[in-house]
Amino acid sequence: MTTVQWQRKDLVGIYELSAAEIELVLDTARAFKQVGQRAIKKVPTLRGKTLVNLFIEPSTRTRTSFELAAKRLSADVINIDTTASSLVKGETLKDTAKNLEALNADIIVIRHSAAGAAHFLASRLRASVINAGDGAHEHPTQALLDAFTIREKKGRIAGLNVLILGDILYSRVARSNIWLLTKLGARVTLSGPATLVPRQFESFGCRVTYDLDGALAEADVINLLRIQHERQRRSAFPSIGEYSTLFGLTKERFARTKPDALIMHPGPINRGVEIDSDLADCERSVILEQVTNGLAVRMAVLFLCAGGART
């Protein structure tokens, strides 16, 4: 177990974290996962703290996961419905967050369509700021839960071949995963349509290939990403059918992978597009385990950023 101490009040991205800090979050999450296996799934760690979920973009899994994580740590939780908030009346994001802080919010979890929104707030608030996804920039807790799942299933991350397949260009999950996995010693390969996987990503320390069958044969972990239609200004490929034919994980392609290769997906899944429906539910799919592990990881992040490790 790592001996580094957590000194950050915020988690705004993976890019600025050290490998030791990442390992600390993963080790802390392992302890918190045991809480979810108890008859009474609650600890008093954040009793008296208030968390606000400020989700400017839609979310089901991430918002629910943060809410459950906070409640299991005994924090009070407020969910802000942005359609009924003052943001629709023209209030700035900074003023909204400052008003929440004035109401003694201790932690603000933000999802926003603008890259850098979490950084913007973190530098202006005393409250802890957790990035739950900012545009196509980062989604740090998703990368952490992915790494937690890989380490739990494979026993390590260093030396593994991890294939990230799909819409890399518009994916915040891809960026956070690339930075995290390379810091922990994995070999990361990106694949998908050339319009969505430009070779500029090789500057991140990973490999780009359009030979999907070759990449699948080498992969220990296959992390699938959906097409981010909501962020694309125009279609990056002719049709969904063509994407599925050329880059979807079909039974035929999966039959040629390593016998212990894992299937991962951050969700939501588009069955029959990026993955065959049966494969999403097969014994080598860890998609639902990712969701379970996300709860433990977010408990760890809230605990660390709220100062639990420093008290």
Protein backbone atom coordinates (compact mmCIF):
# COMPACT_ATOMS: atom_id res chain seq x y z
CA MET A 1 0.00 0.00 0.00
CA THR A 2 1.26 3.46 -0.91
CA THR A 3 2.45 5.77 1.89
CA VAL A 4 1.84 9.07 0.06
CA GLN A 5 -0.50 11.56 1.78
CA TRP A 6 -3.41 13.21 -0.02
CA GLN A 7 -2.98 17.00 0.08
CA ARG A 8 -5.65 18.12 -2.40
CA LYS A 9 -9.05 19.59 -1.57
CA ASP A 10 -10.25 18.95 -5.14
CA LEU A 11 -10.23 16.27 -7.81
CA VAL A 12 -10.47 18.06 -11.13
CA GLY A 13 -8.51 15.69 -13.35
CA ILE A 14 -6.15 12.75 -13.65
CA TYR A 15 -3.56 14.71 -15.61
CA GLU A 16 -2.15 16.47 -12.54
CA LEU A 17 -2.14 13.42 -10.25
CA SER A 18 0.98 11.40 -9.56
CA ALA A 19 1.04 7.63 -9.83
CA ALA A 20 1.34 7.47 -6.03
CA GLU A 21 -1.78 9.62 -5.58
CA ILE A 22 -3.71 7.41 -7.97
CA GLU A 23 -2.61 4.31 -6.06
CA LEU A 24 -3.72 5.97 -2.81
CA VAL A 25 -7.24 6.49 -4.19
CA LEU A 26 -7.39 2.88 -5.40
CA ASP A 27 -6.14 1.52 -2.06
CA THR A 28 -8.64 3.68 -0.16
CA ALA A 29 -11.45 2.52 -2.44
CA ARG A 30 -10.58 -1.10 -1.70
CA ALA A 31 -11.24 -0.46 1.98
CA PHE A 32 -14.51 1.34 1.24
CA LYS A 33 -15.73 -1.45 -1.03
CA GLN A 34 -15.95 -3.65 2.03
CA VAL A 35 -18.49 -1.22 3.50
CA GLY A 36 -20.87 -2.07 0.66
CA GLN A 37 -20.67 -5.75 1.59
CA ARG A 38 -21.90 -5.20 5.14
CA ALA A 39 -25.46 -5.57 6.36
CA ILE A 40 -25.42 -1.89 7.35
CA LYS A 41 -23.77 -0.05 4.46
CA LYS A 42 -23.02 3.21 6.26
CA VAL A 43 -20.13 4.81 8.13
CA PRO A 44 -20.02 8.18 9.94
CA THR A 45 -16.94 9.43 8.07
CA LEU A 46 -18.53 12.59 6.59
CA ARG A 47 -21.24 13.19 9.17
CA GLY A 48 -22.03 16.90 9.29
CA LYS A 49 -20.69 17.53 5.76
CA THR A 50 -22.92 18.68 2.89
CA LEU A 51 -22.45 17.60 -0.72
CA VAL A 52 -24.15 19.34 -3.65
CA ASN A 53 -24.56 17.53 -6.97
CA LEU A 54 -24.46 20.30 -9.58
CA PHE A 55 -25.05 18.50 -12.86
CA ILE A 56 -25.45 20.86 -15.81
CA GLU A 57 -25.40 17.87 -18.18
CA PRO A 58 -27.66 14.80 -17.91
CA SER A 59 -26.44 11.82 -15.88
CA THR A 60 -27.86 8.70 -14.29
CA ARG A 61 -24.97 6.51 -13.15
CA THR A 62 -22.49 9.16 -12.07
CA ARG A 63 -24.93 11.39 -10.19
CA THR A 64 -26.58 8.44 -8.45
CA SER A 65 -23.18 6.98 -7.60
CA PHE A 66 -21.98 10.22 -5.99
CA GLU A 67 -25.25 10.58 -4.10
CA LEU A 68 -25.06 7.03 -2.74
CA ALA A 69 -21.36 7.41 -1.93
CA ALA A 70 -22.02 10.56 0.08
CA LYS A 71 -24.97 9.05 1.92
CA ARG A 72 -22.97 5.93 2.82
CA LEU A 73 -20.40 8.28 4.34
CA SER A 74 -23.27 9.95 6.29
CA ALA A 75 -23.07 13.29 4.46
CA ASP A 76 -26.14 15.37 3.63
CA VAL A 77 -26.83 15.50 -0.12
CA ILE A 78 -28.55 18.14 -2.25
CA ASN A 79 -29.23 17.53 -5.94
CA ILE A 80 -29.58 20.68 -8.05
CA ASP A 81 -31.98 20.43 -10.97
CA THR A 82 -30.41 22.89 -13.40
CA THR A 83 -33.66 23.36 -15.32
CA ALA A 84 -35.13 24.87 -12.14
CA SER A 85 -32.00 26.68 -10.98
CA SER A 86 -30.95 30.29 -11.39
CA LEU A 87 -28.59 29.28 -14.21
CA VAL A 88 -31.57 29.34 -16.59
CA LYS A 89 -32.23 32.92 -15.45
CA GLY A 90 -28.77 34.02 -16.52
CA GLU A 91 -26.82 33.57 -13.30
CA THR A 92 -23.17 32.70 -13.89
CA LEU A 93 -21.70 29.37 -12.87
CA LYS A 94 -19.36 31.18 -10.46
CA ASP A 95 -22.25 33.01 -8.74
CA THR A 96 -24.29 29.80 -8.48
CA ALA A 97 -21.35 27.99 -6.88
CA LYS A 98 -20.54 30.92 -4.56
CA ASN A 99 -24.14 30.95 -3.34
CA LEU A 100 -23.97 27.20 -2.66
CA GLU A 101 -20.75 27.76 -0.71
CA ALA A 102 -22.45 30.57 1.24
CA LEU A 103 -25.02 27.97 2.28
CA ASN A 104 -22.11 26.00 3.80
CA ALA A 105 -21.77 23.37 1.08
CA ASP A 106 -18.56 21.47 1.78
CA ILE A 107 -18.27 19.54 -1.48
CA ILE A 108 -19.57 20.46 -4.94
CA VAL A 109 -19.67 17.71 -7.56
CA ILE A 110 -19.98 19.30 -10.98
CA ARG A 111 -20.70 18.01 -14.46
CA HIS A 112 -20.57 20.68 -17.15
CA SER A 113 -20.43 20.83 -20.94
CA ALA A 114 -17.52 23.29 -20.86
CA ALA A 115 -14.00 21.89 -20.58
CA GLY A 116 -12.27 23.43 -17.58
CA ALA A 117 -15.44 24.18 -15.59
CA ALA A 118 -14.23 22.18 -12.57
CA HIS A 119 -10.80 23.86 -12.64
CA PHE A 120 -12.54 27.24 -12.86
CA LEU A 121 -14.59 26.61 -9.71
CA ALA A 122 -11.84 24.86 -7.76
CA SER A 123 -9.62 27.94 -7.99
CA ARG A 124 -12.41 30.21 -6.74
CA LEU A 125 -14.05 28.21 -3.94
CA ARG A 126 -13.01 27.12 -0.46
CA ALA A 127 -15.32 24.11 -0.86
CA SER A 128 -13.97 20.92 -2.40
CA VAL A 129 -14.75 20.54 -6.10
CA ILE A 130 -15.05 17.13 -7.73
CA ASN A 131 -15.10 16.90 -11.52
CA ALA A 132 -17.86 14.55 -12.69
CA GLY A 133 -17.11 15.29 -16.34
CA ASP A 134 -16.25 18.54 -18.12
CA GLY A 135 -17.04 18.55 -21.81
CA ALA A 136 -14.68 16.33 -23.78
CA HIS A 137 -11.85 17.06 -21.34
CA GLU A 138 -11.78 14.72 -18.31
CA HIS A 139 -13.87 12.32 -16.22
CA PRO A 140 -11.43 11.41 -13.44
CA THR A 141 -13.61 9.17 -11.26
CA GLN A 142 -14.55 7.05 -14.29
CA ALA A 143 -10.88 6.43 -15.04
CA LEU A 144 -10.24 5.62 -11.38
CA LEU A 145 -13.06 3.09 -11.22
CA ASP A 146 -11.90 1.56 -14.49
CA ALA A 147 -8.39 1.18 -13.07
CA PHE A 148 -9.78 -0.21 -9.81
CA THR A 149 -11.72 -2.83 -11.77
CA ILE A 150 -8.73 -3.79 -13.90
CA ARG A 151 -6.46 -4.11 -10.87
CA GLU A 152 -9.09 -6.15 -9.00
CA LYS A 153 -9.62 -8.57 -11.90
CA LYS A 154 -6.04 -8.78 -13.21
CA GLY A 155 -4.07 -8.17 -10.02
CA ARG A 156 -2.01 -5.42 -11.67
CA ILE A 157 -2.06 -2.65 -14.26
CA ALA A 158 1.62 -2.33 -15.19
CA GLY A 159 2.46 -4.26 -18.33
CA LEU A 160 -1.12 -4.89 -19.44
CA ASN A 161 -2.28 -4.15 -22.98
CA VAL A 162 -5.40 -1.98 -22.77
CA LEU A 163 -7.36 -1.27 -25.94
CA ILE A 164 -9.69 1.74 -25.92
CA LEU A 165 -12.05 1.41 -28.85
CA GLY A 166 -14.51 3.94 -30.22
CA ASP A 167 -14.99 7.69 -30.16
CA ILE A 168 -11.71 8.90 -28.69
CA LEU A 169 -11.80 12.44 -30.06
CA TYR A 170 -14.87 13.54 -28.11
CA SER A 171 -14.46 11.29 -25.07
CA ARG A 172 -13.51 12.65 -21.64
CA VAL A 173 -13.35 9.05 -20.42
CA ALA A 174 -10.68 8.22 -22.99
CA ARG A 175 -8.44 11.13 -21.99
CA SER A 176 -8.62 10.37 -18.27
CA ASN A 177 -8.01 6.67 -18.91
CA ILE A 178 -5.02 7.31 -21.17
CA TRP A 179 -3.33 9.53 -18.58
CA LEU A 180 -4.09 7.20 -15.67
CA LEU A 181 -3.17 3.91 -17.32
CA THR A 182 0.09 5.16 -18.82
CA LYS A 183 1.10 6.60 -15.43
CA LEU A 184 0.59 3.17 -13.89
CA GLY A 185 2.59 1.39 -16.58
CA ALA A 186 -0.04 -0.03 -18.92
CA ARG A 187 0.42 -0.07 -22.69
CA VAL A 188 -2.57 1.79 -24.15
CA THR A 189 -3.76 1.36 -27.72
CA LEU A 190 -6.50 3.45 -29.34
CA SER A 191 -8.61 2.29 -32.27
CA GLY A 192 -11.70 3.36 -34.15
CA PRO A 193 -12.55 5.40 -37.24
CA ALA A 194 -9.68 7.64 -38.32
CA THR A 195 -12.02 10.62 -38.05
CA LEU A 196 -12.49 9.87 -34.33
CA VAL A 197 -9.00 8.55 -33.51
CA PRO A 198 -6.47 11.00 -34.95
CA ARG A 199 -2.79 10.15 -34.64
CA GLN A 200 -2.23 13.28 -32.56
CA PHE A 201 -3.25 11.15 -29.56
CA GLU A 202 0.11 9.40 -29.81
CA SER A 203 1.55 12.49 -28.11
CA PHE A 204 -0.31 11.30 -24.98
CA GLY A 205 2.03 8.30 -24.77
CA CYS A 206 -0.24 5.72 -26.36
CA ARG A 207 -0.44 3.91 -29.72
CA VAL A 208 -3.00 4.56 -32.44
CA THR A 209 -3.93 1.77 -34.86
CA TYR A 210 -6.69 1.17 -37.39
CA ASP A 211 -5.96 -2.57 -37.48
CA LEU A 212 -8.72 -3.53 -35.06
CA ASP A 213 -8.29 -7.29 -35.36
CA GLY A 214 -4.58 -7.01 -34.52
CA ALA A 215 -5.27 -4.74 -31.56
CA LEU A 216 -7.98 -7.06 -30.22
CA ALA A 217 -5.64 -10.07 -30.42
CA GLU A 218 -3.11 -8.33 -28.17
CA ALA A 219 -5.54 -6.83 -25.67
CA ASP A 220 -5.82 -7.88 -22.04
CA VAL A 221 -8.59 -5.32 -21.53
CA ILE A 222 -11.04 -3.97 -24.13
CA ASN A 223 -12.62 -0.69 -23.05
CA LEU A 224 -15.46 0.27 -25.40
CA LEU A 225 -16.74 3.82 -25.81
CA ARG A 226 -20.03 4.95 -27.26
CA ILE A 227 -20.27 7.51 -30.05
CA GLN A 228 -20.61 10.98 -28.52
CA HIS A 229 -23.23 12.27 -30.97
CA GLU A 230 -24.11 15.18 -28.70
CA ARG A 231 -20.58 16.64 -29.00
CA GLN A 232 -20.00 16.09 -32.71
CA ARG A 233 -20.63 19.03 -35.01
CA ARG A 234 -21.17 16.65 -37.93
CA SER A 235 -21.22 12.92 -38.41
CA ALA A 236 -17.75 11.40 -38.34
CA PHE A 237 -18.74 8.27 -40.30
CA PRO A 238 -21.40 7.38 -42.91
CA SER A 239 -23.78 5.38 -40.72
CA ILE A 240 -24.26 3.50 -37.46
CA GLY A 241 -24.46 0.28 -39.45
CA GLU A 242 -21.07 0.89 -41.02
CA TYR A 243 -19.52 1.74 -37.65
CA SER A 244 -20.87 -1.47 -36.14
CA THR A 245 -19.57 -3.53 -39.06
CA LEU A 246 -16.08 -2.04 -39.06
CA PHE A 247 -15.49 -1.26 -35.37
CA GLY A 248 -18.16 -2.98 -33.31
CA LEU A 249 -17.17 -5.79 -30.93
CA THR A 250 -18.95 -8.72 -32.57
CA LYS A 251 -18.95 -12.35 -31.48
CA GLU A 252 -16.67 -13.19 -34.41
CA ARG A 253 -14.10 -10.61 -33.41
CA PHE A 254 -14.31 -11.47 -29.73
CA ALA A 255 -13.70 -15.16 -30.48
CA ARG A 256 -10.19 -14.22 -31.61
CA THR A 257 -9.24 -12.38 -28.41
CA LYS A 258 -7.21 -13.71 -25.49
CA PRO A 259 -9.27 -16.18 -23.41
CA ASP A 260 -9.06 -13.94 -20.34
CA ALA A 261 -9.53 -10.57 -22.05
CA LEU A 262 -11.98 -8.33 -20.18
CA ILE A 263 -14.80 -6.27 -21.69
CA MET A 264 -15.38 -2.84 -20.17
CA HIS A 265 -17.73 0.04 -20.98
CA PRO A 266 -18.42 3.26 -19.05
CA GLY A 267 -22.07 3.31 -20.17
CA PRO A 268 -24.57 4.00 -21.40
CA ILE A 269 -24.26 1.03 -23.74
CA ASN A 270 -25.63 1.16 -27.28
CA ARG A 271 -26.25 -2.54 -27.78
CA GLY A 272 -25.69 -3.71 -31.32
CA VAL A 273 -23.54 -0.67 -32.13
CA GLU A 274 -20.25 -0.72 -30.21
CA ILE A 275 -20.92 -4.18 -28.76
CA ASP A 276 -23.02 -7.23 -29.51
CA SER A 277 -25.79 -7.45 -26.94
CA ASP A 278 -24.85 -10.97 -25.80
CA LEU A 279 -21.23 -9.93 -25.24
CA ALA A 280 -22.32 -7.10 -22.97
CA ASP A 281 -23.77 -9.75 -20.64
CA CYS A 282 -21.16 -12.49 -21.04
CA GLU A 283 -18.95 -13.85 -18.27
CA ARG A 284 -15.96 -11.76 -19.35
CA SER A 285 -17.90 -8.52 -19.22
CA VAL A 286 -17.19 -6.48 -16.08
CA ILE A 287 -19.51 -3.61 -16.99
CA LEU A 288 -21.76 -3.97 -13.95
CA GLU A 289 -18.74 -4.52 -11.70
CA GLN A 290 -17.49 -1.14 -12.91
CA VAL A 291 -20.70 0.41 -11.61
CA THR A 292 -20.30 -1.28 -8.22
CA ASN A 293 -16.66 -0.26 -8.02
CA GLY A 294 -17.57 3.29 -8.94
CA LEU A 295 -19.39 3.63 -5.66
CA ALA A 296 -16.31 2.59 -3.67
CA VAL A 297 -14.03 4.86 -5.71
CA ARG A 298 -16.29 7.87 -5.21
CA MET A 299 -16.50 7.19 -1.49
CA ALA A 300 -12.69 7.21 -1.45
CA VAL A 301 -12.49 10.46 -3.42
CA LEU A 302 -15.03 12.22 -1.18
CA PHE A 303 -13.24 10.99 1.93
CA LEU A 304 -9.82 12.15 0.71
CA CYS A 305 -10.90 15.53 -0.68
CA ALA A 306 -12.98 16.32 2.42
CA GLY A 307 -9.83 15.92 4.50
CA GLY A 308 -10.64 12.54 6.01
CA ALA A 309 -7.10 11.28 5.55
CA ARG A 310 -5.65 14.42 7.15
CA THR A 311 -7.76 14.52 10.32
